[in-house]
Amino acid sequence: MADEVTNGMLLAHMQGMKNDLQQQIVILNQKIDGLAQKVNEGFEDARLHRQALQEDLDATIRMVGKHEVKLARMS
């Protein structure tokens, strides 16, 4: 009889620990997913910023070229 009670208590305790671990895993997965999303957003922001800088550089290069042509005509 005592063995049955002890086994039942041990089983209940182990099931409780299992449930706690499963909850912790779910929470960690949510944190990891949130972090991964923030990292991806950061990379996307950096990509868009780099693209804008490249477009500005290209426009500046075109403008300098036009000014060089005008200066050459004036000389």
C-alpha atoms as a PDB file:
ATOM      1  CA  MET A   1       0.000   0.000   0.000  1.00  0.00           C
ATOM      2  CA  ALA A   2       2.779   2.421   0.901  1.00  0.00           C
ATOM      3  CA  ASP A   3       4.536   1.613  -2.356  1.00  0.00           C
ATOM      4  CA  GLU A   4       1.391   2.508  -4.318  1.00  0.00           C
ATOM      5  CA  VAL A   5       1.102   5.859  -2.522  1.00  0.00           C
ATOM      6  CA  THR A   6       4.792   6.579  -3.014  1.00  0.00           C
ATOM      7  CA  ASN A   7       4.637   5.616  -6.682  1.00  0.00           C
ATOM      8  CA  GLY A   8       1.534   7.771  -7.172  1.00  0.00           C
ATOM      9  CA  MET A   9       3.169  10.737  -5.471  1.00  0.00           C
ATOM     10  CA  LEU A  10       6.334  10.294  -7.518  1.00  0.00           C
ATOM     11  CA  LEU A  11       4.330  10.058 -10.731  1.00  0.00           C
ATOM     12  CA  ALA A  12       2.333  13.188  -9.862  1.00  0.00           C
ATOM     13  CA  HIS A  13       5.522  15.052  -9.005  1.00  0.00           C
ATOM     14  CA  MET A  14       7.199  13.959 -12.241  1.00  0.00           C
ATOM     15  CA  GLN A  15       4.162  14.986 -14.287  1.00  0.00           C
ATOM     16  CA  GLY A  16       4.190  18.399 -12.588  1.00  0.00           C
ATOM     17  CA  MET A  17       7.867  18.815 -13.386  1.00  0.00           C
ATOM     18  CA  LYS A  18       7.207  17.766 -16.984  1.00  0.00           C
ATOM     19  CA  ASN A  19       4.445  20.368 -17.312  1.00  0.00           C
ATOM     20  CA  ASP A  20       6.716  23.059 -15.841  1.00  0.00           C
ATOM     21  CA  LEU A  21       9.457  22.183 -18.320  1.00  0.00           C
ATOM     22  CA  GLN A  22       7.021  22.243 -21.223  1.00  0.00           C
ATOM     23  CA  GLN A  23       5.829  25.709 -20.185  1.00  0.00           C
ATOM     24  CA  GLN A  24       9.423  26.926 -19.931  1.00  0.00           C
ATOM     25  CA  ILE A  25      10.146  25.550 -23.403  1.00  0.00           C
ATOM     26  CA  VAL A  26       7.123  27.375 -24.836  1.00  0.00           C
ATOM     27  CA  ILE A  27       8.243  30.633 -23.200  1.00  0.00           C
ATOM     28  CA  LEU A  28      11.809  30.221 -24.493  1.00  0.00           C
ATOM     29  CA  ASN A  29      10.540  29.479 -27.995  1.00  0.00           C
ATOM     30  CA  GLN A  30       8.447  32.661 -27.909  1.00  0.00           C
ATOM     31  CA  LYS A  31      11.462  34.689 -26.764  1.00  0.00           C
ATOM     32  CA  ILE A  32      13.656  33.182 -29.482  1.00  0.00           C
ATOM     33  CA  ASP A  33      11.011  33.855 -32.130  1.00  0.00           C
ATOM     34  CA  GLY A  34      10.702  37.458 -30.963  1.00  0.00           C
ATOM     35  CA  LEU A  35      14.455  37.930 -31.038  1.00  0.00           C
ATOM     36  CA  ALA A  36      14.726  36.393 -34.503  1.00  0.00           C
ATOM     37  CA  GLN A  37      12.007  38.748 -35.741  1.00  0.00           C
ATOM     38  CA  LYS A  38      13.856  41.769 -34.304  1.00  0.00           C
ATOM     39  CA  VAL A  39      17.096  40.641 -35.944  1.00  0.00           C
ATOM     40  CA  ASN A  40      15.351  40.186 -39.297  1.00  0.00           C
ATOM     41  CA  GLU A  41      13.749  43.632 -38.993  1.00  0.00           C
ATOM     42  CA  GLY A  42      17.166  45.115 -38.214  1.00  0.00           C
ATOM     43  CA  PHE A  43      18.691  43.491 -41.290  1.00  0.00           C
ATOM     44  CA  GLU A  44      15.811  44.723 -43.437  1.00  0.00           C
ATOM     45  CA  ASP A  45      16.217  48.267 -42.074  1.00  0.00           C
ATOM     46  CA  ALA A  46      19.949  48.119 -42.807  1.00  0.00           C
ATOM     47  CA  ARG A  47      19.266  46.842 -46.333  1.00  0.00           C
ATOM     48  CA  LEU A  48      16.803  49.653 -47.028  1.00  0.00           C
ATOM     49  CA  HIS A  49      19.227  52.234 -45.629  1.00  0.00           C
ATOM     50  CA  ARG A  50      22.041  50.894 -47.800  1.00  0.00           C
ATOM     51  CA  GLN A  51      19.759  50.965 -50.835  1.00  0.00           C
ATOM     52  CA  ALA A  52      18.825  54.600 -50.144  1.00  0.00           C
ATOM     53  CA  LEU A  53      22.498  55.523 -49.762  1.00  0.00           C
ATOM     54  CA  GLN A  54      23.319  53.783 -53.041  1.00  0.00           C
ATOM     55  CA  GLU A  55      20.532  55.653 -54.828  1.00  0.00           C
ATOM     56  CA  ASP A  56      21.810  58.956 -53.406  1.00  0.00           C
ATOM     57  CA  LEU A  57      25.346  58.106 -54.515  1.00  0.00           C
ATOM     58  CA  ASP A  58      24.177  57.216 -58.019  1.00  0.00           C
ATOM     59  CA  ALA A  59      22.241  60.492 -58.294  1.00  0.00           C
ATOM     60  CA  THR A  60      25.274  62.444 -57.072  1.00  0.00           C
ATOM     61  CA  ILE A  61      27.531  60.747 -59.609  1.00  0.00           C
ATOM     62  CA  ARG A  62      25.080  61.597 -62.433  1.00  0.00           C
ATOM     63  CA  MET A  63      24.866  65.213 -61.256  1.00  0.00           C
ATOM     64  CA  VAL A  64      28.657  65.549 -61.079  1.00  0.00           C
ATOM     65  CA  GLY A  65      28.899  64.148 -64.597  1.00  0.00           C
ATOM     66  CA  LYS A  66      26.412  66.727 -65.891  1.00  0.00           C
ATOM     67  CA  HIS A  67      28.301  69.534 -64.153  1.00  0.00           C
ATOM     68  CA  GLU A  68      31.588  68.340 -65.630  1.00  0.00           C
ATOM     69  CA  VAL A  69      30.057  68.468 -69.118  1.00  0.00           C
ATOM     70  CA  LYS A  70      28.803  72.014 -68.494  1.00  0.00           C
ATOM     71  CA  LEU A  71      32.201  73.097 -67.137  1.00  0.00           C
ATOM     72  CA  ALA A  72      33.933  71.579 -70.156  1.00  0.00           C
ATOM     73  CA  ARG A  73      31.668  73.590 -72.492  1.00  0.00           C
ATOM     74  CA  MET A  74      32.447  76.786 -70.573  1.00  0.00           C
ATOM     75  CA  SER A  75      36.197  76.313 -70.890  1.00  0.00           C
END
